[in-house]
C-alpha atoms as a PDB file:
ATOM      1  CA  MET A   1     -16.843  -1.410  -0.300  1.00  0.00           C
ATOM      2  CA  SER A   2     -19.438  -3.692  -1.802  1.00  0.00           C
ATOM      3  CA  GLU A   3     -20.318  -1.264  -4.605  1.00  0.00           C
ATOM      4  CA  PRO A   4     -17.791   0.368  -6.942  1.00  0.00           C
ATOM      5  CA  ASN A   5     -17.100   3.928  -5.806  1.00  0.00           C
ATOM      6  CA  THR A   6     -17.083   6.201  -8.834  1.00  0.00           C
ATOM      7  CA  THR A   7     -15.660   9.680  -8.491  1.00  0.00           C
ATOM      8  CA  SER A   8     -16.340  12.222 -11.239  1.00  0.00           C
ATOM      9  CA  PRO A   9     -14.766  15.404  -9.903  1.00  0.00           C
ATOM     10  CA  ALA A  10     -15.310  17.517 -13.002  1.00  0.00           C
ATOM     11  CA  THR A  11     -16.996  17.494 -16.347  1.00  0.00           C
ATOM     12  CA  ASP A  12     -14.503  17.863 -19.174  1.00  0.00           C
ATOM     13  CA  THR A  13     -15.343  20.954 -21.167  1.00  0.00           C
ATOM     14  CA  SER A  14     -12.092  21.156 -23.100  1.00  0.00           C
ATOM     15  CA  THR A  15     -11.190  19.254 -26.218  1.00  0.00           C
ATOM     16  CA  ASP A  16      -7.407  19.173 -25.743  1.00  0.00           C
ATOM     17  CA  THR A  17      -7.310  17.138 -22.509  1.00  0.00           C
ATOM     18  CA  PRO A  18      -8.552  13.552 -22.695  1.00  0.00           C
ATOM     19  CA  ARG A  19     -10.716  12.243 -19.864  1.00  0.00           C
ATOM     20  CA  TYR A  20      -9.126   9.272 -18.111  1.00  0.00           C
ATOM     21  CA  SER A  21     -11.146   6.233 -17.130  1.00  0.00           C
ATOM     22  CA  LEU A  22      -9.513   4.282 -14.289  1.00  0.00           C
ATOM     23  CA  ARG A  23     -10.439   1.173 -12.299  1.00  0.00           C
ATOM     24  CA  LEU A  24      -8.565   0.441  -9.097  1.00  0.00           C
ATOM     25  CA  TYR A  25      -8.892  -3.056  -7.674  1.00  0.00           C
ATOM     26  CA  VAL A  26      -8.115  -3.244  -3.963  1.00  0.00           C
ATOM     27  CA  SER A  27      -8.246  -5.829  -1.188  1.00  0.00           C
ATOM     28  CA  GLY A  28     -10.671  -4.386   1.320  1.00  0.00           C
ATOM     29  CA  ALA A  29      -9.628  -1.716   3.788  1.00  0.00           C
ATOM     30  CA  THR A  30      -5.970  -2.719   4.067  1.00  0.00           C
ATOM     31  CA  PRO A  31      -3.278  -0.052   4.526  1.00  0.00           C
ATOM     32  CA  ARG A  32      -1.836  -0.842   1.076  1.00  0.00           C
ATOM     33  CA  SER A  33      -5.277  -0.416  -0.525  1.00  0.00           C
ATOM     34  CA  ALA A  34      -5.848   2.869   1.297  1.00  0.00           C
ATOM     35  CA  MET A  35      -2.423   4.091   0.160  1.00  0.00           C
ATOM     36  CA  ALA A  36      -3.173   3.191  -3.480  1.00  0.00           C
ATOM     37  CA  ILE A  37      -6.525   5.010  -3.342  1.00  0.00           C
ATOM     38  CA  ALA A  38      -4.992   8.120  -1.778  1.00  0.00           C
ATOM     39  CA  ASN A  39      -2.060   8.118  -4.218  1.00  0.00           C
ATOM     40  CA  ILE A  40      -4.147   7.845  -7.391  1.00  0.00           C
ATOM     41  CA  LYS A  41      -6.669  10.456  -6.201  1.00  0.00           C
ATOM     42  CA  ALA A  42      -3.879  12.905  -5.331  1.00  0.00           C
ATOM     43  CA  LEU A  43      -2.127  12.304  -8.642  1.00  0.00           C
ATOM     44  CA  GLY A  44      -5.423  12.592 -10.520  1.00  0.00           C
ATOM     45  CA  GLU A  45      -6.177  15.964  -8.980  1.00  0.00           C
ATOM     46  CA  ARG A  46      -2.636  17.271  -9.318  1.00  0.00           C
ATOM     47  CA  ARG A  47      -1.633  15.965 -12.753  1.00  0.00           C
ATOM     48  CA  LEU A  48      -4.966  15.309 -14.499  1.00  0.00           C
ATOM     49  CA  SER A  49      -6.694  18.389 -13.081  1.00  0.00           C
ATOM     50  CA  GLY A  50      -9.567  16.203 -11.907  1.00  0.00           C
ATOM     51  CA  ASN A  51     -10.174  15.082 -15.491  1.00  0.00           C
ATOM     52  CA  TYR A  52     -10.703  11.418 -14.603  1.00  0.00           C
ATOM     53  CA  ASP A  53     -13.303   8.883 -13.547  1.00  0.00           C
ATOM     54  CA  LEU A  54     -12.149   6.468 -10.860  1.00  0.00           C
ATOM     55  CA  SER A  55     -13.923   3.266  -9.870  1.00  0.00           C
ATOM     56  CA  VAL A  56     -12.591   1.635  -6.712  1.00  0.00           C
ATOM     57  CA  ILE A  57     -13.474  -2.050  -6.664  1.00  0.00           C
ATOM     58  CA  ASP A  58     -12.969  -4.406  -3.737  1.00  0.00           C
ATOM     59  CA  ALA A  59     -11.769  -7.583  -5.452  1.00  0.00           C
ATOM     60  CA  TYR A  60     -13.080  -9.758  -2.616  1.00  0.00           C
ATOM     61  CA  GLN A  61     -16.555  -8.217  -2.645  1.00  0.00           C
ATOM     62  CA  GLN A  62     -16.760  -8.255  -6.446  1.00  0.00           C
ATOM     63  CA  ALA A  63     -14.736 -11.310  -7.363  1.00  0.00           C
ATOM     64  CA  GLU A  64     -16.475 -11.720 -10.726  1.00  0.00           C
ATOM     65  CA  LEU A  65     -15.305  -8.282 -11.921  1.00  0.00           C
ATOM     66  CA  ALA A  66     -11.765  -9.047 -10.754  1.00  0.00           C
ATOM     67  CA  ARG A  67     -11.867 -12.386 -12.537  1.00  0.00           C
ATOM     68  CA  ASP A  68     -13.199 -10.782 -15.751  1.00  0.00           C
ATOM     69  CA  ASP A  69     -10.303  -8.290 -15.692  1.00  0.00           C
ATOM     70  CA  ASN A  70      -7.777 -11.053 -14.904  1.00  0.00           C
ATOM     71  CA  ILE A  71      -6.699  -9.443 -11.634  1.00  0.00           C
ATOM     72  CA  LEU A  72      -4.003 -11.538  -9.962  1.00  0.00           C
ATOM     73  CA  VAL A  73      -2.265  -8.983  -7.732  1.00  0.00           C
ATOM     74  CA  LEU A  74      -3.768  -6.254  -5.551  1.00  0.00           C
ATOM     75  CA  PRO A  75      -3.888  -3.321  -5.721  1.00  0.00           C
ATOM     76  CA  THR A  76      -4.080  -3.079  -9.519  1.00  0.00           C
ATOM     77  CA  LEU A  77      -4.951   0.058 -11.491  1.00  0.00           C
ATOM     78  CA  ILE A  78      -6.385  -0.346 -14.993  1.00  0.00           C
ATOM     79  CA  LYS A  79      -6.471   2.632 -17.365  1.00  0.00           C
ATOM     80  CA  THR A  80      -9.080   1.958 -20.046  1.00  0.00           C
ATOM     81  CA  LEU A  81      -9.285   5.426 -21.599  1.00  0.00           C
ATOM     82  CA  PRO A  82      -7.572   7.017 -23.354  1.00  0.00           C
ATOM     83  CA  GLY A  83      -6.116   3.947 -25.049  1.00  0.00           C
ATOM     84  CA  PRO A  84      -4.128   1.843 -24.985  1.00  0.00           C
ATOM     85  CA  LEU A  85      -5.294  -0.153 -21.961  1.00  0.00           C
ATOM     86  CA  ARG A  86      -2.617  -0.192 -19.267  1.00  0.00           C
ATOM     87  CA  ARG A  87      -2.215  -1.979 -15.916  1.00  0.00           C
ATOM     88  CA  LEU A  88      -0.203  -0.819 -12.928  1.00  0.00           C
ATOM     89  CA  VAL A  89       0.357  -2.923  -9.829  1.00  0.00           C
ATOM     90  CA  GLY A  90       1.199  -1.770  -6.310  1.00  0.00           C
ATOM     91  CA  ASP A  91       0.385   1.134  -4.020  1.00  0.00           C
ATOM     92  CA  LEU A  92       1.043   3.675  -6.816  1.00  0.00           C
ATOM     93  CA  SER A  93       3.534   5.617  -4.675  1.00  0.00           C
ATOM     94  CA  ASP A  94       6.143   5.962  -7.458  1.00  0.00           C
ATOM     95  CA  GLU A  95       4.602   8.960  -9.203  1.00  0.00           C
ATOM     96  CA  GLU A  96       7.018   8.866 -12.136  1.00  0.00           C
ATOM     97  CA  GLN A  97       6.167   5.239 -12.927  1.00  0.00           C
ATOM     98  CA  VAL A  98       2.428   5.869 -12.536  1.00  0.00           C
ATOM     99  CA  LEU A  99       2.611   8.849 -14.896  1.00  0.00           C
ATOM    100  CA  LEU A 100       4.493   6.772 -17.449  1.00  0.00           C
ATOM    101  CA  GLY A 101       1.915   3.999 -17.026  1.00  0.00           C
ATOM    102  CA  LEU A 102      -0.847   6.504 -17.713  1.00  0.00           C
ATOM    103  CA  GLY A 103       0.957   7.583 -20.869  1.00  0.00           C
ATOM    104  CA  LEU A 104       2.117  10.930 -19.438  1.00  0.00           C
ATOM    105  CA  HIS A 105       5.605  12.342 -19.230  1.00  0.00           C
ATOM    106  CA  PRO A 106       6.734  13.075 -15.662  1.00  0.00           C
ATOM    107  CA  ASP A 107       8.196  16.444 -16.682  1.00  0.00           C
ATOM    108  CA  GLN A 108       5.063  17.418 -18.644  1.00  0.00           C
ATOM    109  CA  PRO A 109       3.109  20.183 -16.865  1.00  0.00           C
ATOM    110  CA  ALA A 110      -0.365  19.390 -15.601  1.00  0.00           C
ATOM    111  CA  PRO A 111      -3.134  20.316 -18.056  1.00  0.00           C
ATOM    112  CA  ARG A 112      -4.965  23.551 -17.358  1.00  0.00           C
ATOM    113  CA  GLU A 113      -8.501  23.505 -16.086  1.00  0.00           C
ATOM    114  CA  SER A 114     -11.302  25.325 -17.777  1.00  0.00           C
ATOM    115  CA  PRO A 115     -12.619  28.332 -15.822  1.00  0.00           C
ATOM    116  CA  GLY A 116     -14.934  27.183 -13.040  1.00  0.00           C
ATOM    117  CA  ALA A 117     -13.811  23.535 -13.112  1.00  0.00           C
ATOM    118  CA  ALA A 118     -12.269  23.767  -9.635  1.00  0.00           C
ATOM    119  CA  ASP A 119     -15.536  25.195  -8.297  1.00  0.00           C
ATOM    120  CA  ASP A 120     -17.456  22.366  -9.977  1.00  0.00           C
ATOM    121  CA  ARG A 121     -15.127  19.796  -8.361  1.00  0.00           C
ATOM    122  CA  LEU A 122     -15.530  21.357  -4.918  1.00  0.00           C
ATOM    123  CA  ALA A 123     -19.312  21.309  -5.290  1.00  0.00           C
ATOM    124  CA  GLN A 124     -19.199  17.650  -6.414  1.00  0.00           C
ATOM    125  CA  LEU A 125     -16.993  16.666  -3.469  1.00  0.00           C
ATOM    126  CA  GLY A 126     -19.295  18.509  -1.062  1.00  0.00           C
ATOM    127  CA  ARG A 127     -22.312  16.615  -2.404  1.00  0.00           C
ATOM    128  CA  GLN A 128     -20.486  13.283  -2.043  1.00  0.00           C
ATOM    129  CA  GLU A 129     -19.545  14.017   1.581  1.00  0.00           C
ATOM    130  CA  THR A 130     -23.116  14.947   2.529  1.00  0.00           C
ATOM    131  CA  GLU A 131     -24.458  11.787   0.853  1.00  0.00           C
ATOM    132  CA  SER A 132     -22.069   9.532   2.816  1.00  0.00           C
END
């Protein structure tokens, strides 16, 4: 986990759904960190239709980045786009609170994907797995 892991599952081709930019600070390969990563990825696919960029940053390996973002508690998720900037702390298991933190309404349906976006995401994920 020495380098930030950026996942770009799909290219946004629509104009009505904003692309989310997220940074998740974790503490190595702890169970709580793994849970936070799994939770935000699942929520991102389910509720954001893959319309997000996620950087996973190990706060111990990249202490300067954590210090620059004033990270005091791990795991911490920072949403930089769309504004306003928001911070969420914990393993992100309370989906309703995470959605509210991302500026979404829990009862709001997930945005629709453009045709072919799911295929693009599958191709991207396949390339990432073969590169690992």
